[in-house]
Amino acid sequence: MRRAHAVTAFAIAAAATMALAAPAMAHEFNSPQGPSEPKAVAVGAQSFAFRPFRVTCEAAHSIAGSTATTWPSQTLTLQIKYSKCKTHAGKVGKTEGPAVPTHFESPVTLTYHANGYVEVGSMAIKVGGNFKCRIATEPQVVPAKAVKHPTEEFTAVGFLTESIPTLSKKLPIQEMVSVANHEVTHLRYALEEGFCEELELPGGNTGSYSGVLQASIKAASLNWK
């Protein structure tokens, strides 16, 4: 009997050790829908900072791509078109420079990883007015540490599953994922053309992006856990 108790105690201890040693379950995006393409729309303004410029876009939405995602997935890829954009060019004394019309030459591809980092595609932003300039970035990973340690947990992007009431009888409650770009920083960029070229303004690695996107799937739920 004493030996049986010893074996049982050993088994419990071994199971506890295995549970502690087991890696935490990886995060993922999921949907009951078959392979499908996610879409997204901006929730509030989207802001970019590339010294000495601060770009604000009042609207943004995804465009149709060519590849459907199979769920569950470790990534969520969106091609975002930013619109209604204006730029403030630094400050003159204590007064912020005037807002000038600005546009993105093409949509920006954002590949979000469920563990909190993002691959940011190239950007080309044309600043108009008297501050004609082109802000250009190359594709990069934020944070850069994720390149060598892609399985760690990061906080560059936060995800939250939201349950939204609908008018559909088949889907009265639709789950969507709120994507918060709150630490997308240290973006490398170059300042080119016009005003920037004349003044030989340097680029840098202090660019940033902040803004919330709401990601969903047509007529189906999408969640993150």
C-alpha atoms as a PDB file:
ATOM      1  CA  MET A   1       0.000   0.000   0.000  1.00  0.00           C
ATOM      2  CA  ARG A   2       2.845   2.350   0.936  1.00  0.00           C
ATOM      3  CA  ARG A   3       4.478   1.649  -2.455  1.00  0.00           C
ATOM      4  CA  ALA A   4       1.178   2.436  -4.252  1.00  0.00           C
ATOM      5  CA  HIS A   5       0.974   5.796  -2.466  1.00  0.00           C
ATOM      6  CA  ALA A   6       4.586   6.517  -3.456  1.00  0.00           C
ATOM      7  CA  VAL A   7       3.886   5.711  -7.116  1.00  0.00           C
ATOM      8  CA  THR A   8       0.783   7.912  -7.090  1.00  0.00           C
ATOM      9  CA  ALA A   9       2.681  10.809  -5.513  1.00  0.00           C
ATOM     10  CA  PHE A  10       5.427  10.432  -8.091  1.00  0.00           C
ATOM     11  CA  ALA A  11       2.892  10.454 -10.942  1.00  0.00           C
ATOM     12  CA  ILE A  12       1.236  13.633  -9.630  1.00  0.00           C
ATOM     13  CA  ALA A  13       4.613  15.344  -9.226  1.00  0.00           C
ATOM     14  CA  ALA A  14       5.660  14.315 -12.725  1.00  0.00           C
ATOM     15  CA  ALA A  15       2.395  15.600 -14.230  1.00  0.00           C
ATOM     16  CA  ALA A  16       2.805  18.921 -12.433  1.00  0.00           C
ATOM     17  CA  THR A  17       6.363  19.242 -13.706  1.00  0.00           C
ATOM     18  CA  MET A  18       5.232  18.541 -17.267  1.00  0.00           C
ATOM     19  CA  ALA A  19       2.455  21.135 -16.976  1.00  0.00           C
ATOM     20  CA  LEU A  20       4.927  23.771 -15.796  1.00  0.00           C
ATOM     21  CA  ALA A  21       7.381  22.866 -18.545  1.00  0.00           C
ATOM     22  CA  ALA A  22       4.759  22.916 -21.325  1.00  0.00           C
ATOM     23  CA  PRO A  23       4.857  26.097 -23.410  1.00  0.00           C
ATOM     24  CA  ALA A  24       1.923  28.486 -23.223  1.00  0.00           C
ATOM     25  CA  MET A  25      -0.642  28.027 -25.970  1.00  0.00           C
ATOM     26  CA  ALA A  26       0.201  30.269 -28.920  1.00  0.00           C
ATOM     27  CA  HIS A  27      -2.162  33.049 -29.834  1.00  0.00           C
ATOM     28  CA  GLU A  28      -4.025  32.824 -33.129  1.00  0.00           C
ATOM     29  CA  PHE A  29      -6.710  34.418 -35.280  1.00  0.00           C
ATOM     30  CA  ASN A  30      -9.647  32.165 -35.969  1.00  0.00           C
ATOM     31  CA  SER A  31     -12.984  32.005 -37.747  1.00  0.00           C
ATOM     32  CA  PRO A  32     -15.586  29.299 -38.399  1.00  0.00           C
ATOM     33  CA  GLN A  33     -15.570  30.490 -41.999  1.00  0.00           C
ATOM     34  CA  GLY A  34     -13.593  28.588 -44.615  1.00  0.00           C
ATOM     35  CA  PRO A  35     -10.644  30.266 -46.380  1.00  0.00           C
ATOM     36  CA  SER A  36     -11.585  33.918 -46.619  1.00  0.00           C
ATOM     37  CA  GLU A  37     -10.115  37.384 -46.879  1.00  0.00           C
ATOM     38  CA  PRO A  38     -10.322  39.657 -43.830  1.00  0.00           C
ATOM     39  CA  LYS A  39     -11.209  43.300 -44.209  1.00  0.00           C
ATOM     40  CA  ALA A  40     -10.708  46.308 -41.954  1.00  0.00           C
ATOM     41  CA  VAL A  41     -11.799  49.872 -41.376  1.00  0.00           C
ATOM     42  CA  ALA A  42     -10.251  52.637 -39.287  1.00  0.00           C
ATOM     43  CA  VAL A  43     -11.695  53.464 -35.883  1.00  0.00           C
ATOM     44  CA  GLY A  44     -10.777  57.113 -35.451  1.00  0.00           C
ATOM     45  CA  ALA A  45      -7.806  58.952 -36.936  1.00  0.00           C
ATOM     46  CA  GLN A  46      -4.605  57.222 -38.028  1.00  0.00           C
ATOM     47  CA  SER A  47      -1.387  59.069 -37.163  1.00  0.00           C
ATOM     48  CA  PHE A  48       2.148  58.856 -38.514  1.00  0.00           C
ATOM     49  CA  ALA A  49       5.208  60.765 -37.326  1.00  0.00           C
ATOM     50  CA  PHE A  50       8.297  61.222 -39.500  1.00  0.00           C
ATOM     51  CA  ARG A  51      10.254  64.189 -38.194  1.00  0.00           C
ATOM     52  CA  PRO A  52       9.671  66.991 -38.943  1.00  0.00           C
ATOM     53  CA  PHE A  53       6.316  65.807 -40.335  1.00  0.00           C
ATOM     54  CA  ARG A  54       3.191  64.585 -38.562  1.00  0.00           C
ATOM     55  CA  VAL A  55       0.672  62.945 -40.873  1.00  0.00           C
ATOM     56  CA  THR A  56      -2.954  62.424 -39.829  1.00  0.00           C
ATOM     57  CA  CYS A  57      -5.467  60.479 -41.911  1.00  0.00           C
ATOM     58  CA  GLU A  58      -9.142  60.741 -41.029  1.00  0.00           C
ATOM     59  CA  ALA A  59     -10.117  57.580 -42.917  1.00  0.00           C
ATOM     60  CA  ALA A  60      -8.660  54.198 -43.823  1.00  0.00           C
ATOM     61  CA  HIS A  61     -10.009  50.909 -45.100  1.00  0.00           C
ATOM     62  CA  SER A  62      -8.698  47.696 -46.578  1.00  0.00           C
ATOM     63  CA  ILE A  63      -8.736  46.873 -50.256  1.00  0.00           C
ATOM     64  CA  ALA A  64      -9.311  43.487 -51.819  1.00  0.00           C
ATOM     65  CA  GLY A  65      -6.204  41.343 -52.128  1.00  0.00           C
ATOM     66  CA  SER A  66      -5.564  38.108 -53.977  1.00  0.00           C
ATOM     67  CA  THR A  67      -5.022  35.492 -51.255  1.00  0.00           C
ATOM     68  CA  ALA A  68      -7.618  34.117 -48.845  1.00  0.00           C
ATOM     69  CA  THR A  69      -6.518  33.171 -45.333  1.00  0.00           C
ATOM     70  CA  THR A  70      -7.099  29.677 -43.980  1.00  0.00           C
ATOM     71  CA  TRP A  71      -8.206  29.716 -40.343  1.00  0.00           C
ATOM     72  CA  PRO A  72      -6.877  29.348 -37.706  1.00  0.00           C
ATOM     73  CA  SER A  73      -3.896  31.496 -38.613  1.00  0.00           C
ATOM     74  CA  GLN A  74      -0.925  33.008 -36.818  1.00  0.00           C
ATOM     75  CA  THR A  75      -1.163  36.077 -39.054  1.00  0.00           C
ATOM     76  CA  LEU A  76      -3.716  38.627 -40.206  1.00  0.00           C
ATOM     77  CA  THR A  77      -2.754  40.439 -43.408  1.00  0.00           C
ATOM     78  CA  LEU A  78      -4.461  43.669 -44.441  1.00  0.00           C
ATOM     79  CA  GLN A  79      -3.835  46.046 -47.333  1.00  0.00           C
ATOM     80  CA  ILE A  80      -4.830  49.446 -46.007  1.00  0.00           C
ATOM     81  CA  LYS A  81      -5.670  52.499 -48.090  1.00  0.00           C
ATOM     82  CA  TYR A  82      -5.304  55.740 -46.097  1.00  0.00           C
ATOM     83  CA  SER A  83      -7.302  58.788 -47.163  1.00  0.00           C
ATOM     84  CA  LYS A  84      -8.320  62.300 -46.105  1.00  0.00           C
ATOM     85  CA  CYS A  85      -4.734  62.880 -44.995  1.00  0.00           C
ATOM     86  CA  LYS A  86      -3.034  66.107 -43.968  1.00  0.00           C
ATOM     87  CA  THR A  87       0.446  66.914 -42.710  1.00  0.00           C
ATOM     88  CA  HIS A  88       1.768  69.404 -40.184  1.00  0.00           C
ATOM     89  CA  ALA A  89       5.403  70.318 -40.830  1.00  0.00           C
ATOM     90  CA  GLY A  90       6.918  70.782 -37.407  1.00  0.00           C
ATOM     91  CA  LYS A  91       6.717  74.061 -35.521  1.00  0.00           C
ATOM     92  CA  VAL A  92       7.739  77.643 -36.191  1.00  0.00           C
ATOM     93  CA  GLY A  93       8.498  78.995 -32.740  1.00  0.00           C
ATOM     94  CA  LYS A  94       5.565  77.852 -30.622  1.00  0.00           C
ATOM     95  CA  THR A  95       3.175  77.647 -33.566  1.00  0.00           C
ATOM     96  CA  GLU A  96       2.577  74.398 -35.412  1.00  0.00           C
ATOM     97  CA  GLY A  97       3.032  74.567 -39.166  1.00  0.00           C
ATOM     98  CA  PRO A  98      -0.084  74.723 -41.360  1.00  0.00           C
ATOM     99  CA  ALA A  99      -1.858  71.542 -42.404  1.00  0.00           C
ATOM    100  CA  VAL A 100      -1.086  70.656 -46.014  1.00  0.00           C
ATOM    101  CA  PRO A 101      -2.748  68.071 -48.283  1.00  0.00           C
ATOM    102  CA  THR A 102      -1.064  64.677 -48.292  1.00  0.00           C
ATOM    103  CA  HIS A 103      -1.675  61.347 -49.959  1.00  0.00           C
ATOM    104  CA  PHE A 104      -0.290  57.813 -49.916  1.00  0.00           C
ATOM    105  CA  GLU A 105       0.889  56.707 -53.349  1.00  0.00           C
ATOM    106  CA  SER A 106      -0.370  53.158 -52.727  1.00  0.00           C
ATOM    107  CA  PRO A 107      -1.987  51.014 -50.022  1.00  0.00           C
ATOM    108  CA  VAL A 108       0.198  49.776 -47.164  1.00  0.00           C
ATOM    109  CA  THR A 109       0.427  46.041 -46.439  1.00  0.00           C
ATOM    110  CA  LEU A 110       0.308  45.226 -42.735  1.00  0.00           C
ATOM    111  CA  THR A 111       0.868  41.635 -41.620  1.00  0.00           C
ATOM    112  CA  TYR A 112      -0.092  41.280 -37.980  1.00  0.00           C
ATOM    113  CA  HIS A 113       1.263  38.369 -35.962  1.00  0.00           C
ATOM    114  CA  ALA A 114      -0.992  37.050 -33.209  1.00  0.00           C
ATOM    115  CA  ASN A 115       1.791  37.326 -30.619  1.00  0.00           C
ATOM    116  CA  GLY A 116       1.967  41.115 -30.969  1.00  0.00           C
ATOM    117  CA  TYR A 117       4.349  42.161 -33.706  1.00  0.00           C
ATOM    118  CA  VAL A 118       3.779  43.449 -37.221  1.00  0.00           C
ATOM    119  CA  GLU A 119       5.427  43.425 -40.623  1.00  0.00           C
ATOM    120  CA  VAL A 120       4.991  46.896 -42.119  1.00  0.00           C
ATOM    121  CA  GLY A 121       5.135  47.099 -45.899  1.00  0.00           C
ATOM    122  CA  SER A 122       6.746  49.945 -47.810  1.00  0.00           C
ATOM    123  CA  MET A 123       5.165  53.392 -47.670  1.00  0.00           C
ATOM    124  CA  ALA A 124       5.388  56.355 -50.043  1.00  0.00           C
ATOM    125  CA  ILE A 125       3.727  59.517 -48.749  1.00  0.00           C
ATOM    126  CA  LYS A 126       3.520  62.702 -50.830  1.00  0.00           C
ATOM    127  CA  VAL A 127       3.343  65.918 -48.822  1.00  0.00           C
ATOM    128  CA  GLY A 128       1.925  68.859 -50.798  1.00  0.00           C
ATOM    129  CA  GLY A 129       1.551  72.593 -50.251  1.00  0.00           C
ATOM    130  CA  ASN A 130       4.716  74.646 -49.754  1.00  0.00           C
ATOM    131  CA  PHE A 131       6.366  71.670 -48.073  1.00  0.00           C
ATOM    132  CA  LYS A 132       6.505  69.378 -51.081  1.00  0.00           C
ATOM    133  CA  CYS A 133       8.303  66.262 -49.959  1.00  0.00           C
ATOM    134  CA  ARG A 134       8.165  62.488 -50.309  1.00  0.00           C
ATOM    135  CA  ILE A 135       8.399  60.293 -47.227  1.00  0.00           C
ATOM    136  CA  ALA A 136       9.564  56.777 -48.094  1.00  0.00           C
ATOM    137  CA  THR A 137       9.986  53.633 -46.016  1.00  0.00           C
ATOM    138  CA  GLU A 138      11.186  50.125 -46.795  1.00  0.00           C
ATOM    139  CA  PRO A 139       9.444  46.965 -45.534  1.00  0.00           C
ATOM    140  CA  GLN A 140      10.373  46.313 -41.904  1.00  0.00           C
ATOM    141  CA  VAL A 141       9.413  44.342 -38.807  1.00  0.00           C
ATOM    142  CA  VAL A 142       8.283  46.049 -35.586  1.00  0.00           C
ATOM    143  CA  PRO A 143       9.806  45.452 -33.155  1.00  0.00           C
ATOM    144  CA  ALA A 144      13.060  44.510 -34.889  1.00  0.00           C
ATOM    145  CA  LYS A 145      13.715  41.924 -32.174  1.00  0.00           C
ATOM    146  CA  ALA A 146      10.940  39.776 -33.645  1.00  0.00           C
ATOM    147  CA  VAL A 147      13.120  38.973 -36.662  1.00  0.00           C
ATOM    148  CA  LYS A 148      15.379  36.757 -34.542  1.00  0.00           C
ATOM    149  CA  HIS A 149      12.829  35.860 -31.855  1.00  0.00           C
ATOM    150  CA  PRO A 150       9.491  35.488 -33.694  1.00  0.00           C
ATOM    151  CA  THR A 151       7.902  33.218 -31.074  1.00  0.00           C
ATOM    152  CA  GLU A 152       8.221  35.616 -28.129  1.00  0.00           C
ATOM    153  CA  GLU A 153       5.373  37.793 -26.888  1.00  0.00           C
ATOM    154  CA  PHE A 154       5.411  41.442 -28.033  1.00  0.00           C
ATOM    155  CA  THR A 155       3.381  44.576 -27.348  1.00  0.00           C
ATOM    156  CA  ALA A 156       3.821  46.576 -30.557  1.00  0.00           C
ATOM    157  CA  VAL A 157       0.208  45.733 -31.420  1.00  0.00           C
ATOM    158  CA  GLY A 158      -2.690  44.813 -29.163  1.00  0.00           C
ATOM    159  CA  PHE A 159      -5.687  42.671 -30.162  1.00  0.00           C
ATOM    160  CA  LEU A 160      -9.150  42.471 -28.635  1.00  0.00           C
ATOM    161  CA  THR A 161     -12.132  40.393 -29.744  1.00  0.00           C
ATOM    162  CA  GLU A 162     -15.364  42.402 -29.793  1.00  0.00           C
ATOM    163  CA  SER A 163     -18.911  41.058 -30.104  1.00  0.00           C
ATOM    164  CA  ILE A 164     -21.040  43.305 -32.324  1.00  0.00           C
ATOM    165  CA  PRO A 165     -24.862  42.946 -32.611  1.00  0.00           C
ATOM    166  CA  THR A 166     -26.117  42.687 -36.214  1.00  0.00           C
ATOM    167  CA  LEU A 167     -29.462  42.643 -38.000  1.00  0.00           C
ATOM    168  CA  SER A 168     -28.773  39.202 -39.464  1.00  0.00           C
ATOM    169  CA  LYS A 169     -30.861  36.300 -38.191  1.00  0.00           C
ATOM    170  CA  LYS A 170     -28.115  33.862 -39.187  1.00  0.00           C
ATOM    171  CA  LEU A 171     -25.430  35.845 -37.366  1.00  0.00           C
ATOM    172  CA  PRO A 172     -27.072  38.014 -34.674  1.00  0.00           C
ATOM    173  CA  ILE A 173     -23.719  38.545 -32.939  1.00  0.00           C
ATOM    174  CA  GLN A 174     -20.587  38.975 -35.059  1.00  0.00           C
ATOM    175  CA  GLU A 175     -17.107  38.813 -33.559  1.00  0.00           C
ATOM    176  CA  MET A 176     -14.542  41.271 -34.859  1.00  0.00           C
ATOM    177  CA  VAL A 177     -10.940  41.977 -33.860  1.00  0.00           C
ATOM    178  CA  SER A 178      -9.851  45.425 -32.724  1.00  0.00           C
ATOM    179  CA  VAL A 179      -6.227  45.998 -33.776  1.00  0.00           C
ATOM    180  CA  ALA A 180      -4.471  48.710 -31.750  1.00  0.00           C
ATOM    181  CA  ASN A 181      -1.226  49.960 -33.281  1.00  0.00           C
ATOM    182  CA  HIS A 182       0.052  51.542 -30.085  1.00  0.00           C
ATOM    183  CA  GLU A 183       3.806  50.774 -30.152  1.00  0.00           C
ATOM    184  CA  VAL A 184       4.616  50.650 -33.866  1.00  0.00           C
ATOM    185  CA  THR A 185       7.765  52.735 -33.493  1.00  0.00           C
ATOM    186  CA  HIS A 186      11.369  53.073 -34.713  1.00  0.00           C
ATOM    187  CA  LEU A 187      10.287  52.999 -38.348  1.00  0.00           C
ATOM    188  CA  ARG A 188      13.168  53.766 -40.705  1.00  0.00           C
ATOM    189  CA  TYR A 189      12.386  56.415 -43.311  1.00  0.00           C
ATOM    190  CA  ALA A 190      13.932  58.721 -45.902  1.00  0.00           C
ATOM    191  CA  LEU A 191      12.878  62.253 -46.908  1.00  0.00           C
ATOM    192  CA  GLU A 192      13.103  62.878 -50.632  1.00  0.00           C
ATOM    193  CA  GLU A 193      12.283  65.377 -53.387  1.00  0.00           C
ATOM    194  CA  GLY A 194      11.224  69.032 -53.341  1.00  0.00           C
ATOM    195  CA  PHE A 195      11.476  70.889 -50.060  1.00  0.00           C
ATOM    196  CA  CYS A 196      13.212  67.987 -48.307  1.00  0.00           C
ATOM    197  CA  GLU A 197      15.817  67.567 -51.043  1.00  0.00           C
ATOM    198  CA  GLU A 198      16.578  71.284 -51.218  1.00  0.00           C
ATOM    199  CA  LEU A 199      17.159  71.510 -47.467  1.00  0.00           C
ATOM    200  CA  GLU A 200      18.882  68.120 -47.399  1.00  0.00           C
ATOM    201  CA  LEU A 201      16.663  67.015 -44.553  1.00  0.00           C
ATOM    202  CA  PRO A 202      17.842  63.710 -43.085  1.00  0.00           C
ATOM    203  CA  GLY A 203      15.630  60.700 -42.618  1.00  0.00           C
ATOM    204  CA  GLY A 204      15.934  58.550 -39.533  1.00  0.00           C
ATOM    205  CA  ASN A 205      14.644  55.599 -37.555  1.00  0.00           C
ATOM    206  CA  THR A 206      12.209  57.406 -35.268  1.00  0.00           C
ATOM    207  CA  GLY A 207       9.087  57.054 -37.412  1.00  0.00           C
ATOM    208  CA  SER A 208       5.898  55.809 -35.793  1.00  0.00           C
ATOM    209  CA  TYR A 209       2.332  54.766 -36.557  1.00  0.00           C
ATOM    210  CA  SER A 210      -0.634  54.759 -34.205  1.00  0.00           C
ATOM    211  CA  GLY A 211      -4.296  54.081 -34.789  1.00  0.00           C
ATOM    212  CA  VAL A 212      -6.989  51.451 -34.328  1.00  0.00           C
ATOM    213  CA  LEU A 213      -8.362  49.209 -37.067  1.00  0.00           C
ATOM    214  CA  GLN A 214     -11.398  46.957 -36.802  1.00  0.00           C
ATOM    215  CA  ALA A 215     -10.849  43.688 -38.669  1.00  0.00           C
ATOM    216  CA  SER A 216     -13.676  41.387 -39.697  1.00  0.00           C
ATOM    217  CA  ILE A 217     -14.849  38.799 -42.222  1.00  0.00           C
ATOM    218  CA  LYS A 218     -17.936  39.259 -44.345  1.00  0.00           C
ATOM    219  CA  ALA A 219     -20.943  37.443 -42.873  1.00  0.00           C
ATOM    220  CA  ALA A 220     -18.787  35.521 -40.373  1.00  0.00           C
ATOM    221  CA  SER A 221     -17.013  35.947 -37.078  1.00  0.00           C
ATOM    222  CA  LEU A 222     -13.295  36.590 -36.571  1.00  0.00           C
ATOM    223  CA  ASN A 223     -11.591  36.359 -33.213  1.00  0.00           C
ATOM    224  CA  TRP A 224      -8.207  36.432 -31.516  1.00  0.00           C
ATOM    225  CA  LYS A 225      -7.260  34.390 -28.501  1.00  0.00           C
END
